[in-house]
Amino acid sequence: MFELAAKPIGLDLAHTAKVVRRALDDAMIANGGSLPVWSVLISVKSRQFGHQRQLAESVGIQGATLTHHLNAMEADGLLTRRRDPANRRKHLVELTPSGEALFLRLRETAIAFDRQLRTGISQDELDHARSVFARLRANVGGEGVETKDEAEAEL
């Protein structure tokens, strides 16, 4: 029979991620957004993903789920979608002034949340944690190593 001497690291990591994600979403909701809305806003704002399909990939959600979020955000006046004149099958997604304002408000929320997460943790400990996260991702065949600049670019 298989016995574990300690709680599996994957279970602990999954629980921690769930708690942190829920707390971040709560902070975003308290400031007029949500984690999915923030993910869309930051992806559109970065201008790396102007087309809806690219945006779905960058946010890491299915196209239908993204469409649901985009429909709601468009109805709320946060963004616009229009056909790409160069390729009518693609939709360009752009922030409205209201979307820009929400982006700025949620960026401040994300920065404050990040400060809260870092409380009592040294830069060396953060660097070590990122290294461990990268190894865990590699061990399961996931993403490669994310650089410090890439992680900070999200804020």
N, C-alpha and C. Protein backbone atom coordinates (compact mmCIF):
# COMPACT_ATOMS: atom_id res chain seq x y z
N MET A 1 0.84 -1.18 0.00
CA MET A 1 0.00 0.00 0.00
C MET A 1 0.89 1.24 0.00
N PHE A 2 0.48 2.24 -0.75
CA PHE A 2 1.24 3.49 -0.87
C PHE A 2 0.88 4.42 0.28
N GLU A 3 1.89 4.90 0.99
CA GLU A 3 1.67 5.85 2.08
C GLU A 3 2.51 7.08 1.84
N LEU A 4 1.98 8.21 2.23
CA LEU A 4 2.70 9.47 2.13
C LEU A 4 3.18 9.88 3.51
N ALA A 5 4.44 10.27 3.58
CA ALA A 5 4.99 10.71 4.85
C ALA A 5 4.52 12.13 5.19
N ALA A 6 4.21 12.90 4.17
CA ALA A 6 3.79 14.28 4.38
C ALA A 6 2.72 14.62 3.34
N LYS A 7 2.08 15.72 3.54
CA LYS A 7 1.08 16.20 2.59
C LYS A 7 1.73 16.38 1.22
N PRO A 8 1.12 15.89 0.17
CA PRO A 8 1.71 16.04 -1.17
C PRO A 8 1.87 17.51 -1.55
N ILE A 9 3.01 17.84 -2.13
CA ILE A 9 3.31 19.23 -2.50
C ILE A 9 2.29 19.76 -3.51
N GLY A 10 1.84 18.91 -4.41
CA GLY A 10 0.84 19.34 -5.39
C GLY A 10 -0.47 19.76 -4.74
N LEU A 11 -0.89 19.02 -3.73
CA LEU A 11 -2.11 19.36 -3.01
C LEU A 11 -1.95 20.68 -2.26
N ASP A 12 -0.81 20.84 -1.60
CA ASP A 12 -0.53 22.08 -0.87
C ASP A 12 -0.47 23.27 -1.83
N LEU A 13 0.20 23.07 -2.96
CA LEU A 13 0.31 24.14 -3.95
C LEU A 13 -1.06 24.49 -4.52
N ALA A 14 -1.87 23.49 -4.84
CA ALA A 14 -3.21 23.73 -5.39
C ALA A 14 -4.08 24.49 -4.39
N HIS A 15 -4.00 24.11 -3.11
CA HIS A 15 -4.78 24.80 -2.08
C HIS A 15 -4.33 26.25 -1.93
N THR A 16 -3.01 26.46 -1.91
CA THR A 16 -2.47 27.81 -1.79
C THR A 16 -2.89 28.67 -2.98
N ALA A 17 -2.79 28.11 -4.18
CA ALA A 17 -3.19 28.85 -5.38
C ALA A 17 -4.67 29.21 -5.32
N LYS A 18 -5.50 28.30 -4.84
CA LYS A 18 -6.94 28.57 -4.74
C LYS A 18 -7.21 29.70 -3.75
N VAL A 19 -6.56 29.67 -2.60
CA VAL A 19 -6.76 30.71 -1.59
C VAL A 19 -6.30 32.07 -2.11
N VAL A 20 -5.12 32.11 -2.74
CA VAL A 20 -4.58 33.37 -3.25
C VAL A 20 -5.46 33.88 -4.39
N ARG A 21 -5.86 33.01 -5.29
CA ARG A 21 -6.71 33.41 -6.42
C ARG A 21 -8.03 33.98 -5.92
N ARG A 22 -8.64 33.32 -4.94
CA ARG A 22 -9.91 33.80 -4.39
C ARG A 22 -9.73 35.17 -3.74
N ALA A 23 -8.65 35.36 -3.00
CA ALA A 23 -8.40 36.64 -2.34
C ALA A 23 -8.16 37.75 -3.37
N LEU A 24 -7.41 37.44 -4.43
CA LEU A 24 -7.17 38.42 -5.49
C LEU A 24 -8.48 38.76 -6.20
N ASP A 25 -9.29 37.76 -6.50
CA ASP A 25 -10.57 38.02 -7.15
C ASP A 25 -11.46 38.88 -6.25
N ASP A 26 -11.48 38.60 -4.95
CA ASP A 26 -12.26 39.42 -4.00
C ASP A 26 -11.78 40.87 -4.01
N ALA A 27 -10.46 41.07 -4.05
CA ALA A 27 -9.91 42.43 -4.09
C ALA A 27 -10.32 43.13 -5.38
N MET A 28 -10.28 42.41 -6.49
CA MET A 28 -10.69 42.98 -7.77
C MET A 28 -12.18 43.32 -7.76
N ILE A 29 -13.00 42.44 -7.22
CA ILE A 29 -14.45 42.67 -7.15
C ILE A 29 -14.74 43.91 -6.30
N ALA A 30 -14.02 44.06 -5.19
CA ALA A 30 -14.22 45.22 -4.32
C ALA A 30 -13.88 46.53 -5.02
N ASN A 31 -13.12 46.46 -6.11
CA ASN A 31 -12.73 47.66 -6.83
C ASN A 31 -13.33 47.74 -8.23
N GLY A 32 -14.45 47.03 -8.42
CA GLY A 32 -15.21 47.17 -9.64
C GLY A 32 -14.86 46.22 -10.77
N GLY A 33 -14.08 45.20 -10.50
CA GLY A 33 -13.69 44.27 -11.56
C GLY A 33 -13.80 42.84 -11.08
N SER A 34 -12.96 42.00 -11.63
CA SER A 34 -12.84 40.60 -11.24
C SER A 34 -11.52 40.12 -11.82
N LEU A 35 -11.08 38.96 -11.42
CA LEU A 35 -9.84 38.42 -11.96
C LEU A 35 -9.94 38.18 -13.47
N PRO A 36 -11.04 37.60 -13.98
CA PRO A 36 -11.13 37.46 -15.44
C PRO A 36 -11.13 38.81 -16.16
N VAL A 37 -11.83 39.79 -15.61
CA VAL A 37 -11.85 41.13 -16.23
C VAL A 37 -10.44 41.71 -16.22
N TRP A 38 -9.74 41.58 -15.11
CA TRP A 38 -8.36 42.09 -15.01
C TRP A 38 -7.47 41.40 -16.05
N SER A 39 -7.63 40.09 -16.20
CA SER A 39 -6.82 39.36 -17.17
C SER A 39 -7.06 39.87 -18.59
N VAL A 40 -8.31 40.13 -18.93
CA VAL A 40 -8.62 40.67 -20.25
C VAL A 40 -8.07 42.09 -20.39
N LEU A 41 -8.31 42.93 -19.40
CA LEU A 41 -7.84 44.31 -19.47
C LEU A 41 -6.33 44.40 -19.64
N ILE A 42 -5.60 43.62 -18.86
CA ILE A 42 -4.14 43.70 -18.93
C ILE A 42 -3.63 43.17 -20.26
N SER A 43 -4.29 42.15 -20.80
CA SER A 43 -3.87 41.61 -22.10
C SER A 43 -4.15 42.60 -23.22
N VAL A 44 -5.33 43.23 -23.20
CA VAL A 44 -5.66 44.22 -24.22
C VAL A 44 -4.76 45.44 -24.07
N LYS A 45 -4.56 45.89 -22.85
CA LYS A 45 -3.73 47.07 -22.60
C LYS A 45 -2.30 46.87 -23.06
N SER A 46 -1.78 45.67 -22.92
CA SER A 46 -0.39 45.40 -23.32
C SER A 46 -0.23 45.47 -24.83
N ARG A 47 -1.36 45.42 -25.54
CA ARG A 47 -1.39 45.51 -27.01
C ARG A 47 -0.64 44.36 -27.68
N GLN A 48 -0.33 43.33 -26.94
CA GLN A 48 0.32 42.17 -27.54
C GLN A 48 -0.70 41.31 -28.28
N PHE A 49 -1.96 41.43 -27.87
CA PHE A 49 -2.98 40.54 -28.39
C PHE A 49 -4.20 41.34 -28.80
N GLY A 50 -4.20 41.85 -30.02
CA GLY A 50 -5.30 42.65 -30.49
C GLY A 50 -6.46 41.85 -31.02
N HIS A 51 -6.20 40.64 -31.50
CA HIS A 51 -7.26 39.81 -32.04
C HIS A 51 -7.85 38.93 -30.94
N GLN A 52 -9.13 38.66 -31.06
CA GLN A 52 -9.85 37.92 -30.04
C GLN A 52 -9.27 36.53 -29.81
N ARG A 53 -8.87 35.82 -30.83
CA ARG A 53 -8.31 34.47 -30.68
C ARG A 53 -6.99 34.53 -29.90
N GLN A 54 -6.14 35.49 -30.25
CA GLN A 54 -4.87 35.65 -29.53
C GLN A 54 -5.13 36.02 -28.08
N LEU A 55 -6.13 36.84 -27.87
CA LEU A 55 -6.49 37.25 -26.52
C LEU A 55 -6.91 36.05 -25.68
N ALA A 56 -7.71 35.16 -26.24
CA ALA A 56 -8.14 33.95 -25.51
C ALA A 56 -6.93 33.13 -25.09
N GLU A 57 -5.97 32.98 -25.99
CA GLU A 57 -4.76 32.22 -25.68
C GLU A 57 -3.95 32.90 -24.58
N SER A 58 -3.83 34.22 -24.64
CA SER A 58 -3.03 34.93 -23.64
C SER A 58 -3.66 34.90 -22.27
N VAL A 59 -5.00 34.95 -22.21
CA VAL A 59 -5.71 34.91 -20.94
C VAL A 59 -5.80 33.48 -20.42
N GLY A 60 -5.67 32.51 -21.33
CA GLY A 60 -5.69 31.12 -20.93
C GLY A 60 -7.08 30.56 -20.72
N ILE A 61 -8.05 31.07 -21.49
CA ILE A 61 -9.40 30.56 -21.38
C ILE A 61 -9.91 30.18 -22.77
N GLN A 62 -10.96 29.38 -22.80
CA GLN A 62 -11.56 28.94 -24.05
C GLN A 62 -12.23 30.11 -24.75
N GLY A 63 -12.30 30.03 -26.07
CA GLY A 63 -12.89 31.09 -26.86
C GLY A 63 -14.31 31.45 -26.44
N ALA A 64 -15.15 30.45 -26.15
CA ALA A 64 -16.53 30.72 -25.75
C ALA A 64 -16.59 31.45 -24.42
N THR A 65 -15.72 31.08 -23.49
CA THR A 65 -15.69 31.75 -22.19
C THR A 65 -15.21 33.19 -22.37
N LEU A 66 -14.21 33.38 -23.21
CA LEU A 66 -13.73 34.74 -23.47
C LEU A 66 -14.84 35.57 -24.10
N THR A 67 -15.57 34.99 -25.04
CA THR A 67 -16.67 35.71 -25.69
C THR A 67 -17.69 36.17 -24.66
N HIS A 68 -17.99 35.31 -23.70
CA HIS A 68 -18.92 35.67 -22.62
C HIS A 68 -18.39 36.90 -21.86
N HIS A 69 -17.11 36.87 -21.48
CA HIS A 69 -16.51 38.00 -20.75
C HIS A 69 -16.49 39.26 -21.62
N LEU A 70 -16.11 39.10 -22.88
CA LEU A 70 -16.05 40.26 -23.78
C LEU A 70 -17.43 40.86 -24.00
N ASN A 71 -18.45 40.01 -24.15
CA ASN A 71 -19.81 40.53 -24.31
C ASN A 71 -20.21 41.38 -23.11
N ALA A 72 -19.95 40.87 -21.92
CA ALA A 72 -20.30 41.61 -20.70
C ALA A 72 -19.49 42.90 -20.60
N MET A 73 -18.20 42.83 -20.90
CA MET A 73 -17.34 44.02 -20.81
C MET A 73 -17.73 45.05 -21.86
N GLU A 74 -18.13 44.60 -23.04
CA GLU A 74 -18.58 45.52 -24.08
C GLU A 74 -19.89 46.17 -23.66
N ALA A 75 -20.81 45.38 -23.10
CA ALA A 75 -22.09 45.92 -22.62
C ALA A 75 -21.88 46.94 -21.50
N ASP A 76 -20.84 46.74 -20.70
CA ASP A 76 -20.51 47.68 -19.62
C ASP A 76 -19.72 48.89 -20.11
N GLY A 77 -19.41 48.93 -21.41
CA GLY A 77 -18.70 50.07 -21.98
C GLY A 77 -17.20 50.07 -21.71
N LEU A 78 -16.64 48.90 -21.42
CA LEU A 78 -15.21 48.82 -21.08
C LEU A 78 -14.32 48.59 -22.30
N LEU A 79 -14.89 48.01 -23.34
CA LEU A 79 -14.10 47.74 -24.54
C LEU A 79 -15.00 47.73 -25.76
N THR A 80 -14.35 47.78 -26.91
CA THR A 80 -15.06 47.67 -28.18
C THR A 80 -14.42 46.54 -28.98
N ARG A 81 -15.24 45.93 -29.82
CA ARG A 81 -14.75 44.92 -30.76
C ARG A 81 -15.20 45.35 -32.14
N ARG A 82 -14.31 45.19 -33.09
CA ARG A 82 -14.66 45.51 -34.48
C ARG A 82 -13.90 44.56 -35.39
N ARG A 83 -14.42 44.39 -36.56
CA ARG A 83 -13.76 43.54 -37.55
C ARG A 83 -12.43 44.15 -37.97
N ASP A 84 -11.44 43.31 -38.13
CA ASP A 84 -10.13 43.74 -38.62
C ASP A 84 -10.27 44.03 -40.11
N PRO A 85 -9.99 45.27 -40.55
CA PRO A 85 -10.12 45.59 -41.97
C PRO A 85 -9.22 44.73 -42.86
N ALA A 86 -8.10 44.27 -42.32
CA ALA A 86 -7.17 43.45 -43.10
C ALA A 86 -7.62 41.99 -43.18
N ASN A 87 -8.45 41.56 -42.22
CA ASN A 87 -8.94 40.18 -42.21
C ASN A 87 -10.29 40.18 -41.51
N ARG A 88 -11.35 40.23 -42.26
CA ARG A 88 -12.70 40.39 -41.72
C ARG A 88 -13.14 39.23 -40.81
N ARG A 89 -12.40 38.13 -40.82
CA ARG A 89 -12.75 37.01 -39.93
C ARG A 89 -12.26 37.25 -38.50
N LYS A 90 -11.38 38.22 -38.31
CA LYS A 90 -10.81 38.50 -36.99
C LYS A 90 -11.46 39.73 -36.38
N HIS A 91 -11.55 39.73 -35.06
CA HIS A 91 -12.08 40.88 -34.32
C HIS A 91 -10.94 41.56 -33.57
N LEU A 92 -10.86 42.88 -33.70
CA LEU A 92 -9.91 43.67 -32.92
C LEU A 92 -10.61 44.09 -31.63
N VAL A 93 -9.88 44.03 -30.52
CA VAL A 93 -10.43 44.38 -29.21
C VAL A 93 -9.65 45.58 -28.69
N GLU A 94 -10.37 46.63 -28.30
CA GLU A 94 -9.72 47.86 -27.80
C GLU A 94 -10.45 48.35 -26.56
N LEU A 95 -9.71 48.96 -25.64
CA LEU A 95 -10.30 49.53 -24.44
C LEU A 95 -10.95 50.87 -24.74
N THR A 96 -12.05 51.14 -24.08
CA THR A 96 -12.69 52.45 -24.13
C THR A 96 -12.08 53.31 -23.01
N PRO A 97 -12.41 54.59 -22.94
CA PRO A 97 -11.95 55.39 -21.79
C PRO A 97 -12.37 54.79 -20.44
N SER A 98 -13.57 54.23 -20.37
CA SER A 98 -14.01 53.57 -19.13
C SER A 98 -13.16 52.34 -18.84
N GLY A 99 -12.81 51.60 -19.88
CA GLY A 99 -11.94 50.44 -19.72
C GLY A 99 -10.55 50.84 -19.25
N GLU A 100 -10.06 51.93 -19.80
CA GLU A 100 -8.75 52.47 -19.37
C GLU A 100 -8.80 52.83 -17.89
N ALA A 101 -9.87 53.50 -17.47
CA ALA A 101 -10.01 53.91 -16.06
C ALA A 101 -10.07 52.69 -15.15
N LEU A 102 -10.84 51.66 -15.56
CA LEU A 102 -10.91 50.45 -14.74
C LEU A 102 -9.55 49.76 -14.71
N PHE A 103 -8.86 49.73 -15.83
CA PHE A 103 -7.53 49.14 -15.86
C PHE A 103 -6.64 49.80 -14.81
N LEU A 104 -6.63 51.13 -14.77
CA LEU A 104 -5.77 51.85 -13.82
C LEU A 104 -6.17 51.54 -12.38
N ARG A 105 -7.47 51.49 -12.11
CA ARG A 105 -7.94 51.19 -10.76
C ARG A 105 -7.55 49.77 -10.35
N LEU A 106 -7.74 48.82 -11.27
CA LEU A 106 -7.40 47.43 -10.95
C LEU A 106 -5.89 47.21 -10.90
N ARG A 107 -5.14 48.00 -11.65
CA ARG A 107 -3.68 47.89 -11.56
C ARG A 107 -3.23 48.28 -10.15
N GLU A 108 -3.82 49.33 -9.60
CA GLU A 108 -3.49 49.72 -8.23
C GLU A 108 -3.89 48.62 -7.25
N THR A 109 -5.02 47.99 -7.49
CA THR A 109 -5.46 46.87 -6.66
C THR A 109 -4.46 45.72 -6.73
N ALA A 110 -4.01 45.40 -7.94
CA ALA A 110 -3.05 44.31 -8.13
C ALA A 110 -1.72 44.62 -7.44
N ILE A 111 -1.29 45.87 -7.54
CA ILE A 111 -0.02 46.27 -6.90
C ILE A 111 -0.15 46.16 -5.38
N ALA A 112 -1.26 46.64 -4.83
CA ALA A 112 -1.47 46.55 -3.38
C ALA A 112 -1.56 45.10 -2.94
N PHE A 113 -2.23 44.26 -3.72
CA PHE A 113 -2.34 42.85 -3.39
C PHE A 113 -0.97 42.19 -3.42
N ASP A 114 -0.17 42.53 -4.41
CA ASP A 114 1.18 41.97 -4.51
C ASP A 114 2.01 42.38 -3.29
N ARG A 115 1.89 43.63 -2.87
CA ARG A 115 2.61 44.07 -1.66
C ARG A 115 2.18 43.25 -0.45
N GLN A 116 0.88 43.00 -0.34
CA GLN A 116 0.36 42.19 0.77
C GLN A 116 0.94 40.78 0.72
N LEU A 117 0.99 40.18 -0.45
CA LEU A 117 1.54 38.83 -0.59
C LEU A 117 3.01 38.77 -0.20
N ARG A 118 3.74 39.83 -0.51
CA ARG A 118 5.18 39.85 -0.26
C ARG A 118 5.55 40.19 1.19
N THR A 119 4.56 40.54 2.01
CA THR A 119 4.82 40.95 3.39
C THR A 119 5.64 39.88 4.13
N GLY A 120 6.76 40.30 4.68
CA GLY A 120 7.61 39.41 5.47
C GLY A 120 8.45 38.44 4.65
N ILE A 121 8.47 38.61 3.34
CA ILE A 121 9.23 37.71 2.48
C ILE A 121 10.35 38.51 1.81
N SER A 122 11.58 38.05 1.95
CA SER A 122 12.72 38.77 1.37
C SER A 122 12.78 38.55 -0.14
N GLN A 123 13.54 39.39 -0.81
CA GLN A 123 13.72 39.24 -2.26
C GLN A 123 14.38 37.91 -2.58
N ASP A 124 15.35 37.49 -1.76
CA ASP A 124 15.99 36.19 -1.97
C ASP A 124 14.97 35.05 -1.86
N GLU A 125 14.06 35.14 -0.89
CA GLU A 125 13.03 34.12 -0.75
C GLU A 125 12.09 34.11 -1.96
N LEU A 126 11.73 35.31 -2.45
CA LEU A 126 10.87 35.39 -3.64
C LEU A 126 11.56 34.79 -4.86
N ASP A 127 12.85 35.12 -5.03
CA ASP A 127 13.60 34.56 -6.15
C ASP A 127 13.66 33.03 -6.06
N HIS A 128 13.87 32.54 -4.84
CA HIS A 128 13.93 31.09 -4.63
C HIS A 128 12.56 30.46 -4.93
N ALA A 129 11.50 31.10 -4.46
CA ALA A 129 10.15 30.57 -4.72
C ALA A 129 9.88 30.52 -6.22
N ARG A 130 10.26 31.56 -6.95
CA ARG A 130 10.05 31.55 -8.40
C ARG A 130 10.84 30.42 -9.07
N SER A 131 12.02 30.17 -8.56
CA SER A 131 12.83 29.08 -9.09
C SER A 131 12.16 27.73 -8.83
N VAL A 132 11.62 27.56 -7.63
CA VAL A 132 10.91 26.32 -7.30
C VAL A 132 9.65 26.19 -8.16
N PHE A 133 8.91 27.28 -8.34
CA PHE A 133 7.70 27.24 -9.19
C PHE A 133 8.08 26.81 -10.61
N ALA A 134 9.17 27.36 -11.13
CA ALA A 134 9.62 27.01 -12.49
C ALA A 134 9.96 25.52 -12.57
N ARG A 135 10.63 24.99 -11.54
CA ARG A 135 10.95 23.56 -11.54
C ARG A 135 9.70 22.70 -11.45
N LEU A 136 8.73 23.13 -10.64
CA LEU A 136 7.48 22.38 -10.54
C LEU A 136 6.76 22.35 -11.89
N ARG A 137 6.71 23.50 -12.58
CA ARG A 137 6.10 23.55 -13.91
C ARG A 137 6.84 22.63 -14.88
N ALA A 138 8.15 22.68 -14.84
CA ALA A 138 8.95 21.83 -15.73
C ALA A 138 8.74 20.35 -15.40
N ASN A 139 8.60 20.03 -14.13
CA ASN A 139 8.41 18.63 -13.73
C ASN A 139 7.11 18.03 -14.25
N VAL A 140 6.12 18.87 -14.50
CA VAL A 140 4.86 18.37 -15.03
C VAL A 140 4.70 18.69 -16.52
N GLY A 141 5.80 19.13 -17.13
CA GLY A 141 5.77 19.42 -18.56
C GLY A 141 5.03 20.69 -18.91
N GLY A 142 4.93 21.59 -17.94
CA GLY A 142 4.23 22.85 -18.17
C GLY A 142 5.15 23.93 -18.69
N GLU A 143 4.77 25.14 -18.40
CA GLU A 143 5.51 26.32 -18.86
C GLU A 143 6.97 26.25 -18.42
N GLY A 144 7.79 26.97 -19.17
CA GLY A 144 9.19 27.09 -18.81
C GLY A 144 9.39 28.14 -17.74
N VAL A 145 10.59 28.57 -17.59
CA VAL A 145 10.94 29.54 -16.58
C VAL A 145 10.47 30.92 -17.00
N GLU A 146 9.73 31.58 -16.13
CA GLU A 146 9.29 32.96 -16.36
C GLU A 146 10.32 33.88 -15.74
N THR A 147 10.77 34.85 -16.51
CA THR A 147 11.76 35.77 -15.96
C THR A 147 11.12 36.75 -15.02
N LYS A 148 11.92 37.38 -14.18
CA LYS A 148 11.44 38.39 -13.25
C LYS A 148 10.77 39.53 -14.01
N ASP A 149 11.36 39.95 -15.13
CA ASP A 149 10.80 41.05 -15.92
C ASP A 149 9.42 40.68 -16.47
N GLU A 150 9.25 39.42 -16.92
CA GLU A 150 7.94 38.99 -17.42
C GLU A 150 6.90 38.99 -16.32
N ALA A 151 7.27 38.54 -15.14
CA ALA A 151 6.33 38.53 -14.02
C ALA A 151 5.94 39.95 -13.63
N GLU A 152 6.90 40.86 -13.58
CA GLU A 152 6.62 42.23 -13.19
C GLU A 152 5.91 43.00 -14.29
N ALA A 153 6.07 42.58 -15.54
CA ALA A 153 5.42 43.26 -16.67
C ALA A 153 3.91 43.15 -16.57
N GLU A 154 3.41 42.12 -15.88
CA GLU A 154 1.97 41.97 -15.73
C GLU A 154 1.38 43.08 -14.88
N LEU A 155 2.19 43.72 -14.06
CA LEU A 155 1.69 44.82 -13.25
C LEU A 155 2.00 46.11 -13.94
